[in-house]
Amino acid sequence: MKLTDGQGGAFVGDTAKACCVDEGSYFPKVLKYHQKDMAGLPDVDVIMSAERLGGWHNAHRMHIVSQRFRQVAEKLAPGLFSYGLVAIGEGEELQTRYTIPDLAPPKSGE
């Protein structure tokens, strides 16, 4: 996903500092990860994002939960949690997942 630093400047890759998802005005923001980068992660139901998302004064790691966790949570505590979107994939499919086609960023070469 395209990131900026916590003040809107260029993100230099330091995930210990604040950063923001910069992919237009979509809300909620979609966390996008390459499949190959996820290959080494353990099979867990809750994990924290590597990135500290938010402005410089309120950046925090996002809780990322499995579908299994979400389904159990909705049975036990319906409506108590709010969820965002996480896309895992490669290439063009990853870039356009969870976007509204008419508002999607232009494809390469357009």
PDB file of N, CA and C in Angstrom:
ATOM      1  N   MET A   1       0.838  -1.170   0.000  1.00  0.00           N
ATOM      2  CA  MET A   1       0.000   0.000   0.000  1.00  0.00           C
ATOM      3  C   MET A   1       0.882   1.231   0.000  1.00  0.00           C
ATOM      4  N   LYS A   2       0.371   2.322  -0.519  1.00  0.00           N
ATOM      5  CA  LYS A   2       1.123   3.565  -0.563  1.00  0.00           C
ATOM      6  C   LYS A   2       1.021   4.241   0.799  1.00  0.00           C
ATOM      7  N   LEU A   3       2.166   4.573   1.372  1.00  0.00           N
ATOM      8  CA  LEU A   3       2.203   5.198   2.698  1.00  0.00           C
ATOM      9  C   LEU A   3       2.883   6.560   2.633  1.00  0.00           C
ATOM     10  N   THR A   4       2.486   7.451   3.533  1.00  0.00           N
ATOM     11  CA  THR A   4       3.194   8.709   3.747  1.00  0.00           C
ATOM     12  C   THR A   4       3.615   8.732   5.212  1.00  0.00           C
ATOM     13  N   ASP A   5       4.526   9.632   5.565  1.00  0.00           N
ATOM     14  CA  ASP A   5       4.869   9.731   6.979  1.00  0.00           C
ATOM     15  C   ASP A   5       3.700  10.381   7.722  1.00  0.00           C
ATOM     16  N   GLY A   6       3.766  10.477   9.015  1.00  0.00           N
ATOM     17  CA  GLY A   6       2.660  10.974   9.820  1.00  0.00           C
ATOM     18  C   GLY A   6       2.263  12.411   9.553  1.00  0.00           C
ATOM     19  N   GLN A   7       3.085  13.145   8.793  1.00  0.00           N
ATOM     20  CA  GLN A   7       2.769  14.540   8.489  1.00  0.00           C
ATOM     21  C   GLN A   7       2.533  14.756   6.996  1.00  0.00           C
ATOM     22  N   GLY A   8       2.347  13.666   6.235  1.00  0.00           N
ATOM     23  CA  GLY A   8       2.041  13.773   4.815  1.00  0.00           C
ATOM     24  C   GLY A   8       3.238  13.773   3.884  1.00  0.00           C
ATOM     25  N   GLY A   9       4.456  13.685   4.436  1.00  0.00           N
ATOM     26  CA  GLY A   9       5.658  13.650   3.603  1.00  0.00           C
ATOM     27  C   GLY A   9       5.976  12.237   3.135  1.00  0.00           C
ATOM     28  N   ALA A  10       7.107  12.069   2.501  1.00  0.00           N
ATOM     29  CA  ALA A  10       7.526  10.764   1.987  1.00  0.00           C
ATOM     30  C   ALA A  10       7.803   9.791   3.123  1.00  0.00           C
ATOM     31  N   PHE A  11       7.270   8.576   3.021  1.00  0.00           N
ATOM     32  CA  PHE A  11       7.516   7.524   4.008  1.00  0.00           C
ATOM     33  C   PHE A  11       8.825   6.848   3.655  1.00  0.00           C
ATOM     34  N   VAL A  12       9.732   6.745   4.618  1.00  0.00           N
ATOM     35  CA  VAL A  12      11.061   6.202   4.348  1.00  0.00           C
ATOM     36  C   VAL A  12      11.217   4.746   4.793  1.00  0.00           C
ATOM     37  N   GLY A  13      10.135   4.119   5.234  1.00  0.00           N
ATOM     38  CA  GLY A  13      10.196   2.703   5.583  1.00  0.00           C
ATOM     39  C   GLY A  13      10.394   2.405   7.053  1.00  0.00           C
ATOM     40  N   ASP A  14      10.459   3.411   7.890  1.00  0.00           N
ATOM     41  CA  ASP A  14      10.656   3.192   9.321  1.00  0.00           C
ATOM     42  C   ASP A  14       9.297   2.945   9.981  1.00  0.00           C
ATOM     43  N   THR A  15       8.929   1.671  10.185  1.00  0.00           N
ATOM     44  CA  THR A  15       7.614   1.333  10.730  1.00  0.00           C
ATOM     45  C   THR A  15       7.503   1.629  12.227  1.00  0.00           C
ATOM     46  N   ALA A  16       8.584   2.056  12.863  1.00  0.00           N
ATOM     47  CA  ALA A  16       8.527   2.452  14.263  1.00  0.00           C
ATOM     48  C   ALA A  16       7.942   3.859  14.398  1.00  0.00           C
ATOM     49  N   LYS A  17       7.868   4.599  13.270  1.00  0.00           N
ATOM     50  CA  LYS A  17       7.329   5.959  13.284  1.00  0.00           C
ATOM     51  C   LYS A  17       5.948   5.967  12.638  1.00  0.00           C
ATOM     52  N   ALA A  18       5.223   7.037  12.859  1.00  0.00           N
ATOM     53  CA  ALA A  18       3.868   7.171  12.322  1.00  0.00           C
ATOM     54  C   ALA A  18       3.871   7.184  10.800  1.00  0.00           C
ATOM     55  N   CYS A  19       2.826   6.572  10.217  1.00  0.00           N
ATOM     56  CA  CYS A  19       2.613   6.649   8.782  1.00  0.00           C
ATOM     57  C   CYS A  19       1.112   6.599   8.512  1.00  0.00           C
ATOM     58  N   CYS A  20       0.735   6.986   7.297  1.00  0.00           N
ATOM     59  CA  CYS A  20      -0.670   7.024   6.908  1.00  0.00           C
ATOM     60  C   CYS A  20      -0.841   6.324   5.570  1.00  0.00           C
ATOM     61  N   VAL A  21      -1.963   5.631   5.404  1.00  0.00           N
ATOM     62  CA  VAL A  21      -2.299   5.037   4.115  1.00  0.00           C
ATOM     63  C   VAL A  21      -2.715   6.179   3.203  1.00  0.00           C
ATOM     64  N   ASP A  22      -2.092   6.274   2.026  1.00  0.00           N
ATOM     65  CA  ASP A  22      -2.344   7.369   1.098  1.00  0.00           C
ATOM     66  C   ASP A  22      -2.817   6.800  -0.235  1.00  0.00           C
ATOM     67  N   GLU A  23      -4.071   6.411  -0.285  1.00  0.00           N
ATOM     68  CA  GLU A  23      -4.616   5.855  -1.522  1.00  0.00           C
ATOM     69  C   GLU A  23      -5.964   6.481  -1.821  1.00  0.00           C
ATOM     70  N   GLY A  24      -6.022   7.795  -1.802  1.00  0.00           N
ATOM     71  CA  GLY A  24      -7.265   8.485  -2.114  1.00  0.00           C
ATOM     72  C   GLY A  24      -8.123   8.708  -0.894  1.00  0.00           C
ATOM     73  N   SER A  25      -9.366   9.059  -1.129  1.00  0.00           N
ATOM     74  CA  SER A  25     -10.250   9.429  -0.028  1.00  0.00           C
ATOM     75  C   SER A  25     -11.181   8.297   0.390  1.00  0.00           C
ATOM     76  N   TYR A  26     -10.823   7.063   0.080  1.00  0.00           N
ATOM     77  CA  TYR A  26     -11.647   5.935   0.506  1.00  0.00           C
ATOM     78  C   TYR A  26     -11.703   5.855   2.030  1.00  0.00           C
ATOM     79  N   PHE A  27     -12.857   5.492   2.553  1.00  0.00           N
ATOM     80  CA  PHE A  27     -12.976   5.203   3.979  1.00  0.00           C
ATOM     81  C   PHE A  27     -13.911   4.027   4.127  1.00  0.00           C
ATOM     82  N   PRO A  28     -13.576   3.029   4.899  1.00  0.00           N
ATOM     83  CA  PRO A  28     -12.331   2.957   5.663  1.00  0.00           C
ATOM     84  C   PRO A  28     -11.142   2.661   4.753  1.00  0.00           C
ATOM     85  N   LYS A  29      -9.968   3.013   5.217  1.00  0.00           N
ATOM     86  CA  LYS A  29      -8.752   2.705   4.470  1.00  0.00           C
ATOM     87  C   LYS A  29      -8.574   1.191   4.420  1.00  0.00           C
ATOM     88  N   VAL A  30      -7.990   0.705   3.337  1.00  0.00           N
ATOM     89  CA  VAL A  30      -7.748  -0.723   3.163  1.00  0.00           C
ATOM     90  C   VAL A  30      -6.259  -0.980   3.371  1.00  0.00           C
ATOM     91  N   LEU A  31      -5.931  -1.890   4.285  1.00  0.00           N
ATOM     92  CA  LEU A  31      -4.538  -2.302   4.461  1.00  0.00           C
ATOM     93  C   LEU A  31      -4.262  -3.333   3.381  1.00  0.00           C
ATOM     94  N   LYS A  32      -3.236  -3.120   2.571  1.00  0.00           N
ATOM     95  CA  LYS A  32      -2.931  -4.005   1.443  1.00  0.00           C
ATOM     96  C   LYS A  32      -1.541  -4.605   1.621  1.00  0.00           C
ATOM     97  N   TYR A  33      -1.477  -5.931   1.553  1.00  0.00           N
ATOM     98  CA  TYR A  33      -0.215  -6.636   1.733  1.00  0.00           C
ATOM     99  C   TYR A  33      -0.016  -7.632   0.605  1.00  0.00           C
ATOM    100  N   HIS A  34       1.242  -7.815   0.196  1.00  0.00           N
ATOM    101  CA  HIS A  34       1.578  -8.813  -0.814  1.00  0.00           C
ATOM    102  C   HIS A  34       1.553 -10.210  -0.193  1.00  0.00           C
ATOM    103  N   GLN A  35       1.014 -11.155  -0.936  1.00  0.00           N
ATOM    104  CA  GLN A  35       0.911 -12.542  -0.473  1.00  0.00           C
ATOM    105  C   GLN A  35       2.277 -13.085  -0.041  1.00  0.00           C
ATOM    106  N   LYS A  36       3.310 -12.796  -0.806  1.00  0.00           N
ATOM    107  CA  LYS A  36       4.657 -13.316  -0.492  1.00  0.00           C
ATOM    108  C   LYS A  36       5.174 -12.791   0.846  1.00  0.00           C
ATOM    109  N   ASP A  37       4.751 -11.584   1.235  1.00  0.00           N
ATOM    110  CA  ASP A  37       5.178 -11.018   2.516  1.00  0.00           C
ATOM    111  C   ASP A  37       4.449 -11.643   3.699  1.00  0.00           C
ATOM    112  N   MET A  38       3.331 -12.269   3.448  1.00  0.00           N
ATOM    113  CA  MET A  38       2.534 -12.891   4.509  1.00  0.00           C
ATOM    114  C   MET A  38       2.895 -14.360   4.720  1.00  0.00           C
ATOM    115  N   ALA A  39       3.675 -14.936   3.827  1.00  0.00           N
ATOM    116  CA  ALA A  39       3.963 -16.377   3.847  1.00  0.00           C
ATOM    117  C   ALA A  39       4.599 -16.855   5.156  1.00  0.00           C
ATOM    118  N   GLY A  40       5.436 -16.077   5.784  1.00  0.00           N
ATOM    119  CA  GLY A  40       6.145 -16.523   6.979  1.00  0.00           C
ATOM    120  C   GLY A  40       5.415 -16.270   8.290  1.00  0.00           C
ATOM    121  N   LEU A  41       4.227 -15.682   8.234  1.00  0.00           N
ATOM    122  CA  LEU A  41       3.513 -15.371   9.470  1.00  0.00           C
ATOM    123  C   LEU A  41       2.874 -16.612  10.080  1.00  0.00           C
ATOM    124  N   PRO A  42       2.778 -16.670  11.396  1.00  0.00           N
ATOM    125  CA  PRO A  42       2.136 -17.821  12.045  1.00  0.00           C
ATOM    126  C   PRO A  42       0.629 -17.819  11.793  1.00  0.00           C
ATOM    127  N   ASP A  43       0.000 -18.961  11.929  1.00  0.00           N
ATOM    128  CA  ASP A  43      -1.443 -19.093  11.769  1.00  0.00           C
ATOM    129  C   ASP A  43      -2.100 -18.696  13.090  1.00  0.00           C
ATOM    130  N   VAL A  44      -2.451 -17.424  13.210  1.00  0.00           N
ATOM    131  CA  VAL A  44      -3.037 -16.892  14.442  1.00  0.00           C
ATOM    132  C   VAL A  44      -4.335 -16.164  14.109  1.00  0.00           C
ATOM    133  N   ASP A  45      -5.123 -15.879  15.132  1.00  0.00           N
ATOM    134  CA  ASP A  45      -6.385 -15.177  14.924  1.00  0.00           C
ATOM    135  C   ASP A  45      -6.284 -13.669  15.123  1.00  0.00           C
ATOM    136  N   VAL A  46      -5.263 -13.209  15.857  1.00  0.00           N
ATOM    137  CA  VAL A  46      -5.066 -11.776  16.071  1.00  0.00           C
ATOM    138  C   VAL A  46      -3.580 -11.478  15.917  1.00  0.00           C
ATOM    139  N   ILE A  47      -3.277 -10.442  15.149  1.00  0.00           N
ATOM    140  CA  ILE A  47      -1.891 -10.024  14.947  1.00  0.00           C
ATOM    141  C   ILE A  47      -1.898  -8.504  14.820  1.00  0.00           C
ATOM    142  N   MET A  48      -0.786  -7.876  15.056  1.00  0.00           N
ATOM    143  CA  MET A  48      -0.675  -6.420  14.946  1.00  0.00           C
ATOM    144  C   MET A  48      -0.002  -6.057  13.630  1.00  0.00           C
ATOM    145  N   SER A  49      -0.404  -4.953  13.033  1.00  0.00           N
ATOM    146  CA  SER A  49       0.246  -4.485  11.810  1.00  0.00           C
ATOM    147  C   SER A  49       1.680  -4.050  12.137  1.00  0.00           C
ATOM    148  N   ALA A  50       2.555  -4.147  11.153  1.00  0.00           N
ATOM    149  CA  ALA A  50       3.927  -3.677  11.341  1.00  0.00           C
ATOM    150  C   ALA A  50       3.960  -2.151  11.376  1.00  0.00           C
ATOM    151  N   GLU A  51       3.056  -1.534  10.643  1.00  0.00           N
ATOM    152  CA  GLU A  51       3.015  -0.085  10.515  1.00  0.00           C
ATOM    153  C   GLU A  51       2.278   0.554  11.693  1.00  0.00           C
ATOM    154  N   ARG A  52       2.769   1.695  12.113  1.00  0.00           N
ATOM    155  CA  ARG A  52       2.058   2.507  13.119  1.00  0.00           C
ATOM    156  C   ARG A  52       1.263   3.542  12.332  1.00  0.00           C
ATOM    157  N   LEU A  53      -0.033   3.305  12.207  1.00  0.00           N
ATOM    158  CA  LEU A  53      -0.873   4.152  11.372  1.00  0.00           C
ATOM    159  C   LEU A  53      -1.512   5.270  12.174  1.00  0.00           C
ATOM    160  N   GLY A  54      -1.572   6.442  11.563  1.00  0.00           N
ATOM    161  CA  GLY A  54      -2.158   7.619  12.192  1.00  0.00           C
ATOM    162  C   GLY A  54      -1.197   8.783  12.106  1.00  0.00           C
ATOM    163  N   GLY A  55      -1.627   9.907  12.627  1.00  0.00           N
ATOM    164  CA  GLY A  55      -0.765  11.088  12.646  1.00  0.00           C
ATOM    165  C   GLY A  55       0.361  10.928  13.647  1.00  0.00           C
ATOM    166  N   TRP A  56       1.302  11.830  13.637  1.00  0.00           N
ATOM    167  CA  TRP A  56       2.482  11.713  14.507  1.00  0.00           C
ATOM    168  C   TRP A  56       2.106  11.689  15.979  1.00  0.00           C
ATOM    169  N   HIS A  57       0.960  12.262  16.356  1.00  0.00           N
ATOM    170  CA  HIS A  57       0.571  12.329  17.770  1.00  0.00           C
ATOM    171  C   HIS A  57      -0.328  11.172  18.211  1.00  0.00           C
ATOM    172  N   ASN A  58      -0.843  10.352  17.279  1.00  0.00           N
ATOM    173  CA  ASN A  58      -1.751   9.274  17.678  1.00  0.00           C
ATOM    174  C   ASN A  58      -1.554   7.990  16.870  1.00  0.00           C
ATOM    175  N   ALA A  59      -0.337   7.711  16.475  1.00  0.00           N
ATOM    176  CA  ALA A  59      -0.065   6.525  15.660  1.00  0.00           C
ATOM    177  C   ALA A  59      -0.107   5.258  16.503  1.00  0.00           C
ATOM    178  N   HIS A  60      -0.704   4.212  15.950  1.00  0.00           N
ATOM    179  CA  HIS A  60      -0.757   2.930  16.649  1.00  0.00           C
ATOM    180  C   HIS A  60      -0.817   1.791  15.640  1.00  0.00           C
ATOM    181  N   ARG A  61      -0.397   0.636  16.085  1.00  0.00           N
ATOM    182  CA  ARG A  61      -0.471  -0.559  15.241  1.00  0.00           C
ATOM    183  C   ARG A  61      -1.920  -1.028  15.218  1.00  0.00           C
ATOM    184  N   MET A  62      -2.359  -1.461  14.057  1.00  0.00           N
ATOM    185  CA  MET A  62      -3.737  -1.930  13.912  1.00  0.00           C
ATOM    186  C   MET A  62      -3.827  -3.395  14.328  1.00  0.00           C
ATOM    187  N   HIS A  63      -4.927  -3.765  14.954  1.00  0.00           N
ATOM    188  CA  HIS A  63      -5.204  -5.167  15.241  1.00  0.00           C
ATOM    189  C   HIS A  63      -5.782  -5.775  13.965  1.00  0.00           C
ATOM    190  N   ILE A  64      -5.181  -6.832  13.496  1.00  0.00           N
ATOM    191  CA  ILE A  64      -5.684  -7.536  12.316  1.00  0.00           C
ATOM    192  C   ILE A  64      -6.177  -8.888  12.802  1.00  0.00           C
ATOM    193  N   VAL A  65      -7.444  -9.187  12.513  1.00  0.00           N
ATOM    194  CA  VAL A  65      -8.048 -10.424  13.006  1.00  0.00           C
ATOM    195  C   VAL A  65      -8.448 -11.322  11.847  1.00  0.00           C
ATOM    196  N   SER A  66      -8.487 -12.605  12.120  1.00  0.00           N
ATOM    197  CA  SER A  66      -8.892 -13.587  11.117  1.00  0.00           C
ATOM    198  C   SER A  66     -10.404 -13.578  10.945  1.00  0.00           C
ATOM    199  N   GLN A  67     -10.864 -14.165   9.847  1.00  0.00           N
ATOM    200  CA  GLN A  67     -12.307 -14.327   9.650  1.00  0.00           C
ATOM    201  C   GLN A  67     -12.896 -15.187  10.771  1.00  0.00           C
ATOM    202  N   ARG A  68     -12.132 -16.175  11.221  1.00  0.00           N
ATOM    203  CA  ARG A  68     -12.586 -17.040  12.319  1.00  0.00           C
ATOM    204  C   ARG A  68     -12.849 -16.203  13.573  1.00  0.00           C
ATOM    205  N   PHE A  69     -11.919 -15.315  13.923  1.00  0.00           N
ATOM    206  CA  PHE A  69     -12.091 -14.433  15.074  1.00  0.00           C
ATOM    207  C   PHE A  69     -13.336 -13.563  14.895  1.00  0.00           C
ATOM    208  N   ARG A  70     -13.470 -12.963  13.712  1.00  0.00           N
ATOM    209  CA  ARG A  70     -14.597 -12.080  13.446  1.00  0.00           C
ATOM    210  C   ARG A  70     -15.928 -12.809  13.599  1.00  0.00           C
ATOM    211  N   GLN A  71     -16.006 -14.017  13.079  1.00  0.00           N
ATOM    212  CA  GLN A  71     -17.256 -14.786  13.158  1.00  0.00           C
ATOM    213  C   GLN A  71     -17.612 -15.136  14.609  1.00  0.00           C
ATOM    214  N   VAL A  72     -16.619 -15.545  15.386  1.00  0.00           N
ATOM    215  CA  VAL A  72     -16.864 -15.876  16.799  1.00  0.00           C
ATOM    216  C   VAL A  72     -17.253 -14.608  17.565  1.00  0.00           C
ATOM    217  N   ALA A  73     -16.545 -13.514  17.326  1.00  0.00           N
ATOM    218  CA  ALA A  73     -16.846 -12.259  18.018  1.00  0.00           C
ATOM    219  C   ALA A  73     -18.260 -11.787  17.706  1.00  0.00           C
ATOM    220  N   GLU A  74     -18.695 -11.930  16.469  1.00  0.00           N
ATOM    221  CA  GLU A  74     -20.043 -11.499  16.105  1.00  0.00           C
ATOM    222  C   GLU A  74     -21.114 -12.380  16.750  1.00  0.00           C
ATOM    223  N   LYS A  75     -20.786 -13.660  17.000  1.00  0.00           N
ATOM    224  CA  LYS A  75     -21.742 -14.535  17.702  1.00  0.00           C
ATOM    225  C   LYS A  75     -21.822 -14.172  19.183  1.00  0.00           C
ATOM    226  N   LEU A  76     -20.670 -13.921  19.802  1.00  0.00           N
ATOM    227  CA  LEU A  76     -20.614 -13.670  21.237  1.00  0.00           C
ATOM    228  C   LEU A  76     -20.969 -12.232  21.619  1.00  0.00           C
ATOM    229  N   ALA A  77     -20.614 -11.286  20.772  1.00  0.00           N
ATOM    230  CA  ALA A  77     -20.843  -9.867  21.073  1.00  0.00           C
ATOM    231  C   ALA A  77     -21.243  -9.135  19.793  1.00  0.00           C
ATOM    232  N   PRO A  78     -22.448  -9.405  19.294  1.00  0.00           N
ATOM    233  CA  PRO A  78     -22.865  -8.795  18.031  1.00  0.00           C
ATOM    234  C   PRO A  78     -22.802  -7.271  18.060  1.00  0.00           C
ATOM    235  N   GLY A  79     -22.160  -6.705  17.029  1.00  0.00           N
ATOM    236  CA  GLY A  79     -22.087  -5.255  16.889  1.00  0.00           C
ATOM    237  C   GLY A  79     -21.113  -4.545  17.801  1.00  0.00           C
ATOM    238  N   LEU A  80     -20.392  -5.259  18.633  1.00  0.00           N
ATOM    239  CA  LEU A  80     -19.483  -4.613  19.577  1.00  0.00           C
ATOM    240  C   LEU A  80     -18.185  -4.148  18.913  1.00  0.00           C
ATOM    241  N   PHE A  81     -17.746  -4.848  17.879  1.00  0.00           N
ATOM    242  CA  PHE A  81     -16.492  -4.518  17.212  1.00  0.00           C
ATOM    243  C   PHE A  81     -16.745  -3.837  15.875  1.00  0.00           C
ATOM    244  N   SER A  82     -15.818  -2.997  15.455  1.00  0.00           N
ATOM    245  CA  SER A  82     -15.823  -2.403  14.125  1.00  0.00           C
ATOM    246  C   SER A  82     -14.648  -2.978  13.365  1.00  0.00           C
ATOM    247  N   TYR A  83     -14.842  -3.247  12.085  1.00  0.00           N
ATOM    248  CA  TYR A  83     -13.793  -3.870  11.288  1.00  0.00           C
ATOM    249  C   TYR A  83     -13.486  -3.024  10.064  1.00  0.00           C
ATOM    250  N   GLY A  84     -12.220  -3.005   9.693  1.00  0.00           N
ATOM    251  CA  GLY A  84     -11.789  -2.411   8.436  1.00  0.00           C
ATOM    252  C   GLY A  84     -11.516  -3.532   7.457  1.00  0.00           C
ATOM    253  N   LEU A  85     -10.848  -3.221   6.378  1.00  0.00           N
ATOM    254  CA  LEU A  85     -10.575  -4.210   5.341  1.00  0.00           C
ATOM    255  C   LEU A  85      -9.083  -4.463   5.207  1.00  0.00           C
ATOM    256  N   VAL A  86      -8.734  -5.712   4.959  1.00  0.00           N
ATOM    257  CA  VAL A  86      -7.366  -6.108   4.673  1.00  0.00           C
ATOM    258  C   VAL A  86      -7.389  -6.884   3.368  1.00  0.00           C
ATOM    259  N   ALA A  87      -6.568  -6.481   2.414  1.00  0.00           N
ATOM    260  CA  ALA A  87      -6.462  -7.179   1.135  1.00  0.00           C
ATOM    261  C   ALA A  87      -5.091  -7.833   1.064  1.00  0.00           C
ATOM    262  N   ILE A  88      -5.081  -9.095   0.669  1.00  0.00           N
ATOM    263  CA  ILE A  88      -3.833  -9.833   0.486  1.00  0.00           C
ATOM    264  C   ILE A  88      -3.855 -10.396  -0.925  1.00  0.00           C
ATOM    265  N   GLY A  89      -2.831 -10.136  -1.701  1.00  0.00           N
ATOM    266  CA  GLY A  89      -2.790 -10.608  -3.090  1.00  0.00           C
ATOM    267  C   GLY A  89      -1.538 -10.111  -3.775  1.00  0.00           C
ATOM    268  N   GLU A  90      -1.615 -10.033  -5.098  1.00  0.00           N
ATOM    269  CA  GLU A  90      -0.474  -9.583  -5.900  1.00  0.00           C
ATOM    270  C   GLU A  90      -0.953  -8.699  -7.047  1.00  0.00           C
ATOM    271  N   GLY A  91      -0.084  -7.828  -7.522  1.00  0.00           N
ATOM    272  CA  GLY A  91      -0.291  -7.057  -8.742  1.00  0.00           C
ATOM    273  C   GLY A  91      -1.562  -6.234  -8.792  1.00  0.00           C
ATOM    274  N   GLU A  92      -2.122  -6.166  -9.984  1.00  0.00           N
ATOM    275  CA  GLU A  92      -3.305  -5.348 -10.254  1.00  0.00           C
ATOM    276  C   GLU A  92      -4.494  -5.752  -9.386  1.00  0.00           C
ATOM    277  N   GLU A  93      -4.643  -7.053  -9.172  1.00  0.00           N
ATOM    278  CA  GLU A  93      -5.754  -7.552  -8.361  1.00  0.00           C
ATOM    279  C   GLU A  93      -5.675  -6.984  -6.948  1.00  0.00           C
ATOM    280  N   LEU A  94      -4.488  -6.892  -6.384  1.00  0.00           N
ATOM    281  CA  LEU A  94      -4.321  -6.333  -5.045  1.00  0.00           C
ATOM    282  C   LEU A  94      -4.621  -4.841  -5.052  1.00  0.00           C
ATOM    283  N   GLN A  95      -4.197  -4.133  -6.082  1.00  0.00           N
ATOM    284  CA  GLN A  95      -4.385  -2.681  -6.131  1.00  0.00           C
ATOM    285  C   GLN A  95      -5.840  -2.268  -6.272  1.00  0.00           C
ATOM    286  N   THR A  96      -6.665  -3.106  -6.880  1.00  0.00           N
ATOM    287  CA  THR A  96      -8.056  -2.720  -7.107  1.00  0.00           C
ATOM    288  C   THR A  96      -9.041  -3.428  -6.183  1.00  0.00           C
ATOM    289  N   ARG A  97      -8.595  -4.340  -5.347  1.00  0.00           N
ATOM    290  CA  ARG A  97      -9.509  -5.030  -4.437  1.00  0.00           C
ATOM    291  C   ARG A  97     -10.110  -4.036  -3.452  1.00  0.00           C
ATOM    292  N   TYR A  98     -11.400  -4.158  -3.223  1.00  0.00           N
ATOM    293  CA  TYR A  98     -12.162  -3.303  -2.309  1.00  0.00           C
ATOM    294  C   TYR A  98     -12.239  -1.856  -2.761  1.00  0.00           C
ATOM    295  N   THR A  99     -12.161  -1.609  -4.041  1.00  0.00           N
ATOM    296  CA  THR A  99     -12.359  -0.248  -4.528  1.00  0.00           C
ATOM    297  C   THR A  99     -13.653  -0.204  -5.321  1.00  0.00           C
ATOM    298  N   ILE A 100     -14.221   0.961  -5.443  1.00  0.00           N
ATOM    299  CA  ILE A 100     -15.391   1.171  -6.291  1.00  0.00           C
ATOM    300  C   ILE A 100     -14.837   1.442  -7.679  1.00  0.00           C
ATOM    301  N   PRO A 101     -15.170   0.616  -8.689  1.00  0.00           N
ATOM    302  CA  PRO A 101     -14.537   0.734 -10.008  1.00  0.00           C
ATOM    303  C   PRO A 101     -14.505   2.148 -10.568  1.00  0.00           C
ATOM    304  N   ASP A 102     -15.561   2.918 -10.445  1.00  0.00           N
ATOM    305  CA  ASP A 102     -15.592   4.262 -11.003  1.00  0.00           C
ATOM    306  C   ASP A 102     -14.642   5.216 -10.273  1.00  0.00           C
ATOM    307  N   LEU A 103     -14.270   4.878  -9.059  1.00  0.00           N
ATOM    308  CA  LEU A 103     -13.385   5.732  -8.269  1.00  0.00           C
ATOM    309  C   LEU A 103     -11.985   5.173  -8.132  1.00  0.00           C
ATOM    310  N   ALA A 104     -11.759   3.991  -8.690  1.00  0.00           N
ATOM    311  CA  ALA A 104     -10.460   3.337  -8.557  1.00  0.00           C
ATOM    312  C   ALA A 104      -9.361   4.153  -9.206  1.00  0.00           C
ATOM    313  N   PRO A 105      -8.138   4.056  -8.677  1.00  0.00           N
ATOM    314  CA  PRO A 105      -7.022   4.770  -9.308  1.00  0.00           C
ATOM    315  C   PRO A 105      -6.812   4.252 -10.719  1.00  0.00           C
ATOM    316  N   PRO A 106      -6.314   5.083 -11.637  1.00  0.00           N
ATOM    317  CA  PRO A 106      -6.105   4.630 -13.013  1.00  0.00           C
ATOM    318  C   PRO A 106      -5.103   3.481 -13.067  1.00  0.00           C
ATOM    319  N   LYS A 107      -5.322   2.575 -14.012  1.00  0.00           N
ATOM    320  CA  LYS A 107      -4.401   1.461 -14.207  1.00  0.00           C
ATOM    321  C   LYS A 107      -3.120   1.984 -14.844  1.00  0.00           C
ATOM    322  N   SER A 108      -2.058   1.223 -14.713  1.00  0.00           N
ATOM    323  CA  SER A 108      -0.772   1.620 -15.285  1.00  0.00           C
ATOM    324  C   SER A 108      -0.935   1.879 -16.775  1.00  0.00           C
ATOM    325  N   GLY A 109      -0.359   2.975 -17.254  1.00  0.00           N
ATOM    326  CA  GLY A 109      -0.381   3.280 -18.669  1.00  0.00           C
ATOM    327  C   GLY A 109      -1.589   4.099 -19.111  1.00  0.00           C
ATOM    328  N   GLU A 110      -2.513   4.393 -18.211  1.00  0.00           N
ATOM    329  CA  GLU A 110      -3.692   5.183 -18.603  1.00  0.00           C
ATOM    330  C   GLU A 110      -3.437   6.643 -18.397  1.00  0.00           C
TER     331      GLU A 110
END
